[in-house]
Amino acid sequence: IVSYFPGSNVIWANDSLDITAKVLNDLNREYRESR
């Protein structure tokens, strides 16, 4: 699982491999449930 941001080592990445939305949904859901 690599990190893609300006200046990172990832030169290019296919958007189909982007799991950012899933990660945010999971993390935020778990955080809300923990509260």
All heavy atoms as atom14 arrays in JSON, in Angstrom:
{
  "sequence": "IVSYFPGSNVIWANDSLDITAKVLNDLNREYRESR",
  "atom14_mask": [
    [1, 1, 1, 1, 1, 1, 1, 1, 0, 0, 0, 0, 0, 0],
    [1, 1, 1, 1, 1, 1, 1, 0, 0, 0, 0, 0, 0, 0],
    [1, 1, 1, 1, 1, 1, 0, 0, 0, 0, 0, 0, 0, 0],
    [1, 1, 1, 1, 1, 1, 1, 1, 1, 1, 1, 1, 0, 0],
    [1, 1, 1, 1, 1, 1, 1, 1, 1, 1, 1, 0, 0, 0],
    [1, 1, 1, 1, 1, 1, 1, 0, 0, 0, 0, 0, 0, 0],
    [1, 1, 1, 1, 0, 0, 0, 0, 0, 0, 0, 0, 0, 0],
    [1, 1, 1, 1, 1, 1, 0, 0, 0, 0, 0, 0, 0, 0],
    [1, 1, 1, 1, 1, 1, 1, 1, 0, 0, 0, 0, 0, 0],
    [1, 1, 1, 1, 1, 1, 1, 0, 0, 0, 0, 0, 0, 0],
    [1, 1, 1, 1, 1, 1, 1, 1, 0, 0, 0, 0, 0, 0],
    [1, 1, 1, 1, 1, 1, 1, 1, 1, 1, 1, 1, 1, 1],
    [1, 1, 1, 1, 1, 0, 0, 0, 0, 0, 0, 0, 0, 0],
    [1, 1, 1, 1, 1, 1, 1, 1, 0, 0, 0, 0, 0, 0],
    [1, 1, 1, 1, 1, 1, 1, 1, 0, 0, 0, 0, 0, 0],
    [1, 1, 1, 1, 1, 1, 0, 0, 0, 0, 0, 0, 0, 0],
    [1, 1, 1, 1, 1, 1, 1, 1, 0, 0, 0, 0, 0, 0],
    [1, 1, 1, 1, 1, 1, 1, 1, 0, 0, 0, 0, 0, 0],
    [1, 1, 1, 1, 1, 1, 1, 1, 0, 0, 0, 0, 0, 0],
    [1, 1, 1, 1, 1, 1, 1, 0, 0, 0, 0, 0, 0, 0],
    [1, 1, 1, 1, 1, 0, 0, 0, 0, 0, 0, 0, 0, 0],
    [1, 1, 1, 1, 1, 1, 1, 1, 1, 0, 0, 0, 0, 0],
    [1, 1, 1, 1, 1, 1, 1, 0, 0, 0, 0, 0, 0, 0],
    [1, 1, 1, 1, 1, 1, 1, 1, 0, 0, 0, 0, 0, 0],
    [1, 1, 1, 1, 1, 1, 1, 1, 0, 0, 0, 0, 0, 0],
    [1, 1, 1, 1, 1, 1, 1, 1, 0, 0, 0, 0, 0, 0],
    [1, 1, 1, 1, 1, 1, 1, 1, 0, 0, 0, 0, 0, 0],
    [1, 1, 1, 1, 1, 1, 1, 1, 0, 0, 0, 0, 0, 0],
    [1, 1, 1, 1, 1, 1, 1, 1, 1, 1, 1, 0, 0, 0],
    [1, 1, 1, 1, 1, 1, 1, 1, 1, 0, 0, 0, 0, 0],
    [1, 1, 1, 1, 1, 1, 1, 1, 1, 1, 1, 1, 0, 0],
    [1, 1, 1, 1, 1, 1, 1, 1, 1, 1, 1, 0, 0, 0],
    [1, 1, 1, 1, 1, 1, 1, 1, 1, 0, 0, 0, 0, 0],
    [1, 1, 1, 1, 1, 1, 0, 0, 0, 0, 0, 0, 0, 0],
    [1, 1, 1, 1, 1, 1, 1, 1, 1, 1, 1, 0, 0, 0]
  ],
  "atom14_positions": [
    [[0.89, -1.16, 0.0], [0.0, 0.0, 0.0], [0.92, 1.21, 0.0], [1.65, 1.44, 0.97], [-0.91, 0.04, 1.25], [-1.76, -1.22, 1.33], [-1.8, 1.28, 1.21], [-2.58, -1.31, 2.61], [0.0, 0.0, 0.0], [0.0, 0.0, 0.0], [0.0, 0.0, 0.0], [0.0, 0.0, 0.0], [0.0, 0.0, 0.0], [0.0, 0.0, 0.0]],
    [[0.9, 1.94, -1.09], [1.84, 3.05, -1.22], [1.12, 4.38, -1.08], [-0.09, 4.48, -1.25], [2.61, 3.0, -2.56], [3.43, 1.73, -2.65], [1.65, 3.1, -3.74], [0.0, 0.0, 0.0], [0.0, 0.0, 0.0], [0.0, 0.0, 0.0], [0.0, 0.0, 0.0], [0.0, 0.0, 0.0], [0.0, 0.0, 0.0], [0.0, 0.0, 0.0]],
    [[1.9, 5.39, -0.77], [1.36, 6.73, -0.56], [1.64, 7.6, -1.78], [2.77, 7.69, -2.24], [2.02, 7.34, 0.69], [1.65, 8.68, 0.84], [0.0, 0.0, 0.0], [0.0, 0.0, 0.0], [0.0, 0.0, 0.0], [0.0, 0.0, 0.0], [0.0, 0.0, 0.0], [0.0, 0.0, 0.0], [0.0, 0.0, 0.0], [0.0, 0.0, 0.0]],
    [[0.59, 8.22, -2.29], [0.71, 9.05, -3.49], [0.38, 10.48, -3.12], [-0.73, 10.8, -2.72], [-0.25, 8.53, -4.57], [-0.12, 9.22, -5.92], [1.08, 9.77, -6.33], [-1.21, 9.29, -6.79], [1.19, 10.38, -7.57], [-1.11, 9.89, -8.03], [0.1, 10.44, -8.42], [0.21, 11.04, -9.64], [0.0, 0.0, 0.0], [0.0, 0.0, 0.0]],
    [[1.37, 11.35, -3.21], [1.18, 12.77, -2.94], [2.27, 13.53, -3.69], [3.28, 12.94, -4.1], [1.24, 13.07, -1.44], [2.55, 12.7, -0.78], [3.56, 13.63, -0.62], [2.75, 11.41, -0.31], [4.76, 13.28, -0.03], [3.95, 11.06, 0.29], [4.96, 11.99, 0.43], [0.0, 0.0, 0.0], [0.0, 0.0, 0.0], [0.0, 0.0, 0.0]],
    [[2.1, 14.82, -3.93], [3.11, 15.59, -4.65], [4.5, 15.45, -4.02], [4.67, 15.66, -2.82], [2.6, 17.03, -4.53], [1.13, 16.88, -4.4], [0.92, 15.63, -3.58], [0.0, 0.0, 0.0], [0.0, 0.0, 0.0], [0.0, 0.0, 0.0], [0.0, 0.0, 0.0], [0.0, 0.0, 0.0], [0.0, 0.0, 0.0], [0.0, 0.0, 0.0]],
    [[5.46, 15.04, -4.82], [6.81, 14.85, -4.32], [7.12, 13.45, -3.85], [8.25, 13.15, -3.46], [0.0, 0.0, 0.0], [0.0, 0.0, 0.0], [0.0, 0.0, 0.0], [0.0, 0.0, 0.0], [0.0, 0.0, 0.0], [0.0, 0.0, 0.0], [0.0, 0.0, 0.0], [0.0, 0.0, 0.0], [0.0, 0.0, 0.0], [0.0, 0.0, 0.0]],
    [[6.11, 12.55, -3.88], [6.36, 11.18, -3.45], [7.1, 10.41, -4.54], [7.31, 10.9, -5.65], [5.03, 10.48, -3.14], [4.29, 10.26, -4.33], [0.0, 0.0, 0.0], [0.0, 0.0, 0.0], [0.0, 0.0, 0.0], [0.0, 0.0, 0.0], [0.0, 0.0, 0.0], [0.0, 0.0, 0.0], [0.0, 0.0, 0.0], [0.0, 0.0, 0.0]],
    [[7.5, 9.17, -4.22], [8.22, 8.34, -5.19], [7.31, 7.76, -6.27], [7.79, 7.16, -7.23], [8.92, 7.18, -4.46], [10.12, 7.66, -3.67], [10.64, 8.75, -3.91], [10.55, 6.87, -2.71], [0.0, 0.0, 0.0], [0.0, 0.0, 0.0], [0.0, 0.0, 0.0], [0.0, 0.0, 0.0], [0.0, 0.0, 0.0], [0.0, 0.0, 0.0]],
    [[6.01, 7.88, -6.08], [5.07, 7.35, -7.08], [4.99, 8.35, -8.23], [4.47, 9.46, -8.07], [3.68, 7.12, -6.47], [2.73, 6.57, -7.53], [3.76, 6.18, -5.28], [0.0, 0.0, 0.0], [0.0, 0.0, 0.0], [0.0, 0.0, 0.0], [0.0, 0.0, 0.0], [0.0, 0.0, 0.0], [0.0, 0.0, 0.0], [0.0, 0.0, 0.0]],
    [[5.48, 7.97, -9.39], [5.49, 8.85, -10.55], [4.11, 8.96, -11.18], [3.66, 10.04, -11.59], [6.5, 8.34, -11.61], [7.88, 8.16, -10.97], [6.57, 9.31, -12.78], [8.44, 9.43, -10.34], [0.0, 0.0, 0.0], [0.0, 0.0, 0.0], [0.0, 0.0, 0.0], [0.0, 0.0, 0.0], [0.0, 0.0, 0.0], [0.0, 0.0, 0.0]],
    [[3.42, 7.84, -11.26], [2.09, 7.8, -11.86], [1.35, 6.6, -11.28], [1.96, 5.6, -10.93], [2.2, 7.68, -13.38], [0.87, 7.6, -14.08], [0.09, 8.63, -14.52], [0.15, 6.4, -14.43], [-1.05, 8.17, -15.11], [-1.05, 6.8, -15.07], [0.38, 5.04, -14.24], [-1.99, 5.89, -15.53], [-0.55, 4.14, -14.7], [-1.72, 4.57, -15.35]],
    [[0.04, 6.71, -11.18], [-0.75, 5.6, -10.66], [-2.11, 5.57, -11.33], [-2.72, 6.61, -11.57], [-0.93, 5.71, -9.14], [0.0, 0.0, 0.0], [0.0, 0.0, 0.0], [0.0, 0.0, 0.0], [0.0, 0.0, 0.0], [0.0, 0.0, 0.0], [0.0, 0.0, 0.0], [0.0, 0.0, 0.0], [0.0, 0.0, 0.0], [0.0, 0.0, 0.0]],
    [[-2.56, 4.37, -11.68], [-3.87, 4.19, -12.28], [-4.94, 4.44, -11.22], [-4.89, 3.88, -10.12], [-3.98, 2.75, -12.81], [-5.21, 2.55, -13.66], [-6.29, 3.02, -13.31], [-5.04, 1.85, -14.78], [0.0, 0.0, 0.0], [0.0, 0.0, 0.0], [0.0, 0.0, 0.0], [0.0, 0.0, 0.0], [0.0, 0.0, 0.0], [0.0, 0.0, 0.0]],
    [[-5.91, 5.27, -11.54], [-6.95, 5.62, -10.57], [-7.73, 4.41, -10.07], [-8.33, 4.47, -8.98], [-7.92, 6.64, -11.18], [-7.31, 8.03, -11.27], [-6.29, 8.27, -10.57], [-7.83, 8.87, -12.03], [0.0, 0.0, 0.0], [0.0, 0.0, 0.0], [0.0, 0.0, 0.0], [0.0, 0.0, 0.0], [0.0, 0.0, 0.0], [0.0, 0.0, 0.0]],
    [[-7.74, 3.34, -10.85], [-8.48, 2.15, -10.41], [-7.83, 1.51, -9.19], [-8.45, 0.69, -8.51], [-8.54, 1.13, -11.55], [-7.25, 0.63, -11.86], [0.0, 0.0, 0.0], [0.0, 0.0, 0.0], [0.0, 0.0, 0.0], [0.0, 0.0, 0.0], [0.0, 0.0, 0.0], [0.0, 0.0, 0.0], [0.0, 0.0, 0.0], [0.0, 0.0, 0.0]],
    [[-6.57, 1.87, -8.89], [-5.87, 1.32, -7.74], [-5.99, 2.23, -6.51], [-5.45, 1.9, -5.46], [-4.38, 1.13, -8.08], [-4.07, 0.26, -9.3], [-2.57, 0.25, -9.56], [-4.6, -1.14, -9.1], [0.0, 0.0, 0.0], [0.0, 0.0, 0.0], [0.0, 0.0, 0.0], [0.0, 0.0, 0.0], [0.0, 0.0, 0.0], [0.0, 0.0, 0.0]],
    [[-6.71, 3.32, -6.66], [-6.85, 4.3, -5.58], [-7.89, 3.81, -4.57], [-9.07, 3.65, -4.9], [-7.28, 5.65, -6.17], [-7.32, 6.75, -5.13], [-7.12, 6.47, -3.94], [-7.57, 7.91, -5.53], [0.0, 0.0, 0.0], [0.0, 0.0, 0.0], [0.0, 0.0, 0.0], [0.0, 0.0, 0.0], [0.0, 0.0, 0.0], [0.0, 0.0, 0.0]],
    [[-7.47, 3.57, -3.33], [-8.41, 3.12, -2.29], [-8.63, 4.21, -1.23], [-9.11, 3.92, -0.13], [-7.91, 1.83, -1.62], [-6.56, 2.07, -0.91], [-7.81, 0.69, -2.62], [-6.14, 0.9, -0.01], [0.0, 0.0, 0.0], [0.0, 0.0, 0.0], [0.0, 0.0, 0.0], [0.0, 0.0, 0.0], [0.0, 0.0, 0.0], [0.0, 0.0, 0.0]],
    [[-8.32, 5.45, -1.58], [-8.44, 6.54, -0.6], [-9.86, 6.66, -0.05], [-10.05, 6.81, 1.17], [-8.02, 7.87, -1.23], [-6.7, 7.76, -1.77], [-8.05, 9.0, -0.21], [0.0, 0.0, 0.0], [0.0, 0.0, 0.0], [0.0, 0.0, 0.0], [0.0, 0.0, 0.0], [0.0, 0.0, 0.0], [0.0, 0.0, 0.0], [0.0, 0.0, 0.0]],
    [[-10.86, 6.62, -0.93], [-12.25, 6.78, -0.48], [-12.64, 5.67, 0.5], [-13.27, 5.93, 1.53], [-13.18, 6.78, -1.69], [0.0, 0.0, 0.0], [0.0, 0.0, 0.0], [0.0, 0.0, 0.0], [0.0, 0.0, 0.0], [0.0, 0.0, 0.0], [0.0, 0.0, 0.0], [0.0, 0.0, 0.0], [0.0, 0.0, 0.0], [0.0, 0.0, 0.0]],
    [[-12.25, 4.44, 0.18], [-12.56, 3.32, 1.08], [-11.87, 3.5, 2.42], [-12.47, 3.29, 3.49], [-12.12, 2.0, 0.45], [-12.18, 0.82, 1.42], [-11.7, -0.47, 0.81], [-11.53, -1.56, 1.85], [-12.67, -1.74, 2.75], [0.0, 0.0, 0.0], [0.0, 0.0, 0.0], [0.0, 0.0, 0.0], [0.0, 0.0, 0.0], [0.0, 0.0, 0.0]],
    [[-10.6, 3.9, 2.37], [-9.84, 4.08, 3.61], [-10.5, 5.14, 4.49], [-10.69, 4.94, 5.7], [-8.38, 4.48, 3.29], [-7.65, 4.95, 4.56], [-7.64, 3.3, 2.67], [0.0, 0.0, 0.0], [0.0, 0.0, 0.0], [0.0, 0.0, 0.0], [0.0, 0.0, 0.0], [0.0, 0.0, 0.0], [0.0, 0.0, 0.0], [0.0, 0.0, 0.0]],
    [[-10.86, 6.27, 3.89], [-11.5, 7.34, 4.66], [-12.85, 6.9, 5.23], [-13.16, 7.18, 6.38], [-11.67, 8.58, 3.78], [-10.42, 9.42, 3.59], [-10.66, 10.5, 2.52], [-9.99, 10.07, 4.9], [0.0, 0.0, 0.0], [0.0, 0.0, 0.0], [0.0, 0.0, 0.0], [0.0, 0.0, 0.0], [0.0, 0.0, 0.0], [0.0, 0.0, 0.0]],
    [[-13.63, 6.21, 4.41], [-14.93, 5.73, 4.89], [-14.76, 4.77, 6.07], [-15.48, 4.88, 7.08], [-15.69, 5.02, 3.75], [-16.22, 5.99, 2.73], [-16.43, 7.17, 3.03], [-16.45, 5.52, 1.52], [0.0, 0.0, 0.0], [0.0, 0.0, 0.0], [0.0, 0.0, 0.0], [0.0, 0.0, 0.0], [0.0, 0.0, 0.0], [0.0, 0.0, 0.0]],
    [[-13.82, 3.84, 5.95], [-13.59, 2.87, 7.02], [-13.08, 3.55, 8.29], [-13.59, 3.3, 9.39], [-12.58, 1.82, 6.55], [-13.16, 0.88, 5.51], [-14.39, 0.92, 5.28], [-12.37, 0.1, 4.92], [0.0, 0.0, 0.0], [0.0, 0.0, 0.0], [0.0, 0.0, 0.0], [0.0, 0.0, 0.0], [0.0, 0.0, 0.0], [0.0, 0.0, 0.0]],
    [[-12.07, 4.38, 8.14], [-11.47, 5.03, 9.3], [-12.47, 5.93, 10.02], [-12.56, 5.91, 11.25], [-10.24, 5.84, 8.88], [-8.99, 5.04, 8.5], [-7.9, 5.98, 7.97], [-8.46, 4.24, 9.68], [0.0, 0.0, 0.0], [0.0, 0.0, 0.0], [0.0, 0.0, 0.0], [0.0, 0.0, 0.0], [0.0, 0.0, 0.0], [0.0, 0.0, 0.0]],
    [[-13.21, 6.71, 9.25], [-14.17, 7.63, 9.87], [-15.33, 6.87, 10.51], [-15.83, 7.26, 11.56], [-14.68, 8.63, 8.83], [-13.66, 9.71, 8.52], [-12.84, 10.06, 9.37], [-13.68, 10.23, 7.31], [0.0, 0.0, 0.0], [0.0, 0.0, 0.0], [0.0, 0.0, 0.0], [0.0, 0.0, 0.0], [0.0, 0.0, 0.0], [0.0, 0.0, 0.0]],
    [[-15.78, 5.78, 9.86], [-16.86, 4.98, 10.44], [-16.4, 4.36, 11.76], [-17.12, 4.41, 12.76], [-17.28, 3.88, 9.47], [-18.48, 3.06, 10.0], [-18.8, 1.88, 9.12], [-17.77, 0.86, 9.18], [-16.92, 0.61, 8.19], [-16.95, 1.32, 7.08], [-16.0, -0.33, 8.32], [0.0, 0.0, 0.0], [0.0, 0.0, 0.0], [0.0, 0.0, 0.0]],
    [[-15.2, 3.81, 11.78], [-14.69, 3.2, 13.0], [-14.5, 4.24, 14.1], [-14.75, 3.97, 15.27], [-13.37, 2.49, 12.7], [-13.53, 1.26, 11.83], [-12.2, 0.62, 11.45], [-11.15, 1.11, 11.95], [-12.19, -0.34, 10.68], [0.0, 0.0, 0.0], [0.0, 0.0, 0.0], [0.0, 0.0, 0.0], [0.0, 0.0, 0.0], [0.0, 0.0, 0.0]],
    [[-14.06, 5.42, 13.71], [-13.86, 6.49, 14.7], [-15.19, 6.92, 15.3], [-15.31, 7.07, 16.52], [-13.15, 7.67, 14.04], [-13.03, 8.87, 14.93], [-12.38, 8.81, 16.16], [-13.58, 10.09, 14.56], [-12.26, 9.91, 16.98], [-13.48, 11.21, 15.38], [-12.81, 11.11, 16.59], [-12.72, 12.21, 17.41], [0.0, 0.0, 0.0], [0.0, 0.0, 0.0]],
    [[-16.21, 7.09, 14.45], [-17.53, 7.51, 14.96], [-18.1, 6.45, 15.88], [-18.71, 6.76, 16.91], [-18.47, 7.76, 13.79], [-18.1, 8.98, 12.95], [-18.87, 8.98, 11.65], [-18.34, 9.97, 10.71], [-18.49, 9.89, 9.39], [-19.17, 8.88, 8.88], [-17.97, 10.81, 8.6], [0.0, 0.0, 0.0], [0.0, 0.0, 0.0], [0.0, 0.0, 0.0]],
    [[-17.93, 5.18, 15.5], [-18.46, 4.1, 16.34], [-17.73, 4.05, 17.69], [-18.35, 3.78, 18.72], [-18.29, 2.76, 15.61], [-19.23, 2.63, 14.4], [-18.96, 1.34, 13.61], [-17.95, 0.68, 13.93], [-19.75, 1.05, 12.7], [0.0, 0.0, 0.0], [0.0, 0.0, 0.0], [0.0, 0.0, 0.0], [0.0, 0.0, 0.0], [0.0, 0.0, 0.0]],
    [[-16.43, 4.32, 17.69], [-15.67, 4.28, 18.94], [-16.09, 5.39, 19.88], [-16.02, 5.24, 21.11], [-14.17, 4.39, 18.65], [-13.83, 5.68, 18.15], [0.0, 0.0, 0.0], [0.0, 0.0, 0.0], [0.0, 0.0, 0.0], [0.0, 0.0, 0.0], [0.0, 0.0, 0.0], [0.0, 0.0, 0.0], [0.0, 0.0, 0.0], [0.0, 0.0, 0.0]],
    [[-16.56, 6.5, 19.33], [-16.98, 7.63, 20.16], [-18.34, 7.38, 20.84], [-18.66, 8.02, 21.82], [-17.07, 8.91, 19.32], [-15.75, 9.34, 18.72], [-15.88, 10.68, 18.02], [-16.08, 11.77, 18.98], [-16.25, 13.04, 18.63], [-16.25, 13.38, 17.35], [-16.41, 13.97, 19.55], [0.0, 0.0, 0.0], [0.0, 0.0, 0.0], [0.0, 0.0, 0.0]]
  ]
}
